C-alpha cells in the first residue's frame, strides 16, 4: 500500500512540474487565483491560510536557512535566463537581417554563403529574371556579393578572431535601405576602401575611421561606419570587384535582390527553374537567416536547460533540507493544530505555499539581477560563415516568465515531501518532541 502511495505521489509531482514549466505564465496566474478563491471561500482553505500565515511569520526566525532556498533558486534562474537570453539575442539579430521582400540566390545545395559559388554569367542571367525591382534608371536592384574572412584582434582579449568582409555591388545600399552611414562616408568603387559595421567597430581594434588595415598583403582604408540594426553590423563592406581582385576570386558567392512583392519569390523561382543554365537555389533572406540562427539557438537553449536542471537539482536538495528542518522545528505546533481539528490538507498546502513563495522570491531576485547585468549586453560568437556575429543579450518578459515558472517548479519539489511528512506526522509523537 505504501509503495502504491509513493508511486502516485511521484506521478503527481511529475505532472505538476510539467504543468508549471510548460503552460503559459497566464495559466499559472489563473491557478494561483483559483487557489486564493479556495482559501477564501472554504473552511479547509481558510485553515490552510491560517497555517500558512504562521509559517510565513516564523521565516525571520529561520532567516539563514530560508535564504538557502532564495539564493539557490536565484542562481538557477539567473543562469538559465542568461543563457536563454543569449540564444534569443542571437536569433533576433539574424532574423532581423532578412525579410520577405528580398531574396538570396546561392549555388544549388549550399547552406551558407561561404560554401556557395555563383559565376558572373549567372549574375547577368539572374538580374534579368522577372520579380526583381528596377531602379529609376531601369537597372535591377541586385547585388552580387563575395564573403571572405580575415583575422583581427578583439578588444576584449587582444586575441585574433574571424571578421567577415563582404564585397557588395553598387546597389547594396538601395537593396538594404536600413543600412545607413553613421560616420565618415561610403567606399568608392574600384578603391581599396571599407566601411565597418557598428558592431564590428565595438568588438575589434583598428577599425575607426581613418585606420588602415593590411588584408591579403594590401593596404585598405577605413572610410566610414554604418549601422543596420542586424547581423550586417558585424561585417566590413567594400566594393565587390575590388575584394574579388584582392582575394583572387573569379566569381561571387551569392546574389541578393529586392523583390517587387513578397509573392514575387515564386515568380523568380519559376523563372530561374525554367533556365537550364542556372543551377542555383532561391529563398527569401528571412528564411535564409532564420535557418542560420536555428541550430546555434537550439544548442544554446539545450545547454541552458541542462545546466539549469543540474543547478535546479542542487537547489531542490537545499529546499528539502530547509523545509524538513522547518517542519521538525514546528512539529509541536503542527501537531497541536491537528489535535484541535485541522486536517492534513491545510498543513500540506501551507508548507508548499511557504516553499514556493520563497522560491518565487529567489526567482524574482535572479531574474532581476540577470536583467540588470545582461539585458542588451553585447557579445560576439562564431556564425555560419565561420566569422564573429555581434549581438546583444535579450532578457525578454517571456524568458523572465519562464525562469519564474522554473523557480515555482523547484519550490514545489522542494516542499512537497516535507509537506507530506508534516501531514503524516503522528500527533502523539509530535507532541512529545521538543
Foldseek 3Di string as FASTA:
>chain_A
DVVVVVVVVVVVLVVVLCCLQPDALVVVVVVVVVLVVCLVPDPLSVLLVVLLVVLVVCCVVVVPLLVLLLQLLLVLLQLLLQLLLVLVFLLVQLLLVFDLQKKKKFFAPDLDLLPTFDFPVNVVVLQPAPFFDADPVRGGLKKFKAKDWDWFAWPVPRGTFIFIEMAIAPSVCVQQVLKDWPDFDCEDPPAQEKEAAPLCPNTGPQQDAQGWDQDLNDIHGYGTYIYRSHQRSRHIYDHRVVVCVSVVHRGGRMMMGGGPDSVSQVSSVVRQVVDPVDRIDMDTSSVSSSVQSVPVSVVSNVVSVVVSVVSLVVSLVSLQVSLLVVLLVCLLVLLVCVVVPNALVSLLSSQLVVLLVSLLSSLVSSLVVSCVPFAQCWDWDQTPSSGTGITGRHSDPSSSSSSSSSSNSSSNSSRNVSSVCSNPPDSVVSNVHD
